[in-house]
Structures are given as C-alpha cells and as structure tokens.
Amino acid sequence: MSLRDPFKLELARKRRLEKMICRKCGATNPPRATKCRKCRSKNLRPKRIRGRR
C-alpha cells in the first residue's frame, strides 16, 4: 500500500497515533475512551505524537 495518497496517509495516521493510553496499566484504548478497557481506571492520556523532549 502506497502512502503517497493524502487520504491514505491521514487514515493511517489516525489509526496508529490517535489513541488513549492508560497511565496505570499502559493499555491502548480508543481515542474517545473515558475508562481503560483492562483495568477500568479513568486516568488516561493521549498518545504522544512526537518524541520525548
């Protein structure tokens, strides 16, 4: 699959990067999640898009 198409590039970016991460157990959750799917904690953060600095 070529990612030169802007639509496919945006779709791939959303699927890979727009996630919520649980601070308690580290599980990956959907972008609109309010609770963790594994431990049911409400302590979620968005996935970092850039590297740590």
C-alpha atoms as a PDB file:
ATOM      1  CA  MET A   1       0.000   0.000   0.000  1.00  0.00           C
ATOM      2  CA  SER A   2       1.472   3.295  -1.070  1.00  0.00           C
ATOM      3  CA  LEU A   3       1.165   6.146   1.415  1.00  0.00           C
ATOM      4  CA  ARG A   4       1.632   8.859  -1.184  1.00  0.00           C
ATOM      5  CA  ASP A   5      -2.125   9.351  -1.371  1.00  0.00           C
ATOM      6  CA  PRO A   6      -3.059  12.070   1.187  1.00  0.00           C
ATOM      7  CA  PHE A   7      -6.301  10.298   2.133  1.00  0.00           C
ATOM      8  CA  LYS A   8      -4.492   7.020   2.888  1.00  0.00           C
ATOM      9  CA  LEU A   9      -1.773   8.852   4.795  1.00  0.00           C
ATOM     10  CA  GLU A  10      -4.343  10.608   7.010  1.00  0.00           C
ATOM     11  CA  LEU A  11      -6.220   7.349   7.566  1.00  0.00           C
ATOM     12  CA  ALA A  12      -3.027   5.526   8.590  1.00  0.00           C
ATOM     13  CA  ARG A  13      -2.043   8.388  10.923  1.00  0.00           C
ATOM     14  CA  LYS A  14      -5.412   8.282  12.677  1.00  0.00           C
ATOM     15  CA  ARG A  15      -5.314   4.504  13.122  1.00  0.00           C
ATOM     16  CA  ARG A  16      -1.742   4.487  14.508  1.00  0.00           C
ATOM     17  CA  LEU A  17      -1.495   7.696  16.524  1.00  0.00           C
ATOM     18  CA  GLU A  18      -4.912   8.797  17.768  1.00  0.00           C
ATOM     19  CA  LYS A  19      -5.147   6.585  20.856  1.00  0.00           C
ATOM     20  CA  MET A  20      -5.560   6.998  24.587  1.00  0.00           C
ATOM     21  CA  ILE A  21      -3.011   5.330  26.893  1.00  0.00           C
ATOM     22  CA  CYS A  22      -3.800   4.225  30.442  1.00  0.00           C
ATOM     23  CA  ARG A  23      -1.397   5.673  32.989  1.00  0.00           C
ATOM     24  CA  LYS A  24      -1.985   2.795  35.387  1.00  0.00           C
ATOM     25  CA  CYS A  25      -1.523  -0.301  33.206  1.00  0.00           C
ATOM     26  CA  GLY A  26      -0.282   1.097  29.860  1.00  0.00           C
ATOM     27  CA  ALA A  27      -3.107  -0.373  27.759  1.00  0.00           C
ATOM     28  CA  THR A  28      -4.058   1.229  24.447  1.00  0.00           C
ATOM     29  CA  ASN A  29      -7.649   2.470  24.256  1.00  0.00           C
ATOM     30  CA  PRO A  30      -9.860   4.098  21.611  1.00  0.00           C
ATOM     31  CA  PRO A  31      -9.494   7.880  21.122  1.00  0.00           C
ATOM     32  CA  ARG A  32     -12.838   8.721  22.786  1.00  0.00           C
ATOM     33  CA  ALA A  33     -12.421   6.345  25.748  1.00  0.00           C
ATOM     34  CA  THR A  34     -13.173   7.622  29.238  1.00  0.00           C
ATOM     35  CA  LYS A  35     -12.130   4.450  31.107  1.00  0.00           C
ATOM     36  CA  CYS A  36      -9.428   1.862  30.467  1.00  0.00           C
ATOM     37  CA  ARG A  37     -10.645  -1.343  28.827  1.00  0.00           C
ATOM     38  CA  LYS A  38      -8.369  -3.527  31.007  1.00  0.00           C
ATOM     39  CA  CYS A  39      -8.193  -2.023  34.493  1.00  0.00           C
ATOM     40  CA  ARG A  40     -11.189   0.385  34.330  1.00  0.00           C
ATOM     41  CA  SER A  41      -9.049   3.298  35.516  1.00  0.00           C
ATOM     42  CA  LYS A  42     -10.146   6.804  34.479  1.00  0.00           C
ATOM     43  CA  ASN A  43      -6.546   8.053  34.403  1.00  0.00           C
ATOM     44  CA  LEU A  44      -5.956   8.223  30.612  1.00  0.00           C
ATOM     45  CA  ARG A  45      -3.690  10.378  28.466  1.00  0.00           C
ATOM     46  CA  PRO A  46      -3.461  10.879  24.699  1.00  0.00           C
ATOM     47  CA  LYS A  47      -0.655   9.012  22.941  1.00  0.00           C
ATOM     48  CA  ARG A  48       2.417  11.179  22.347  1.00  0.00           C
ATOM     49  CA  ILE A  49       2.836  12.037  18.685  1.00  0.00           C
ATOM     50  CA  ARG A  50       6.362  13.484  18.792  1.00  0.00           C
ATOM     51  CA  GLY A  51       9.369  12.008  20.582  1.00  0.00           C
ATOM     52  CA  ARG A  52      10.098  12.855  24.186  1.00  0.00           C
ATOM     53  CA  ARG A  53      11.958  16.141  24.718  1.00  0.00           C
END
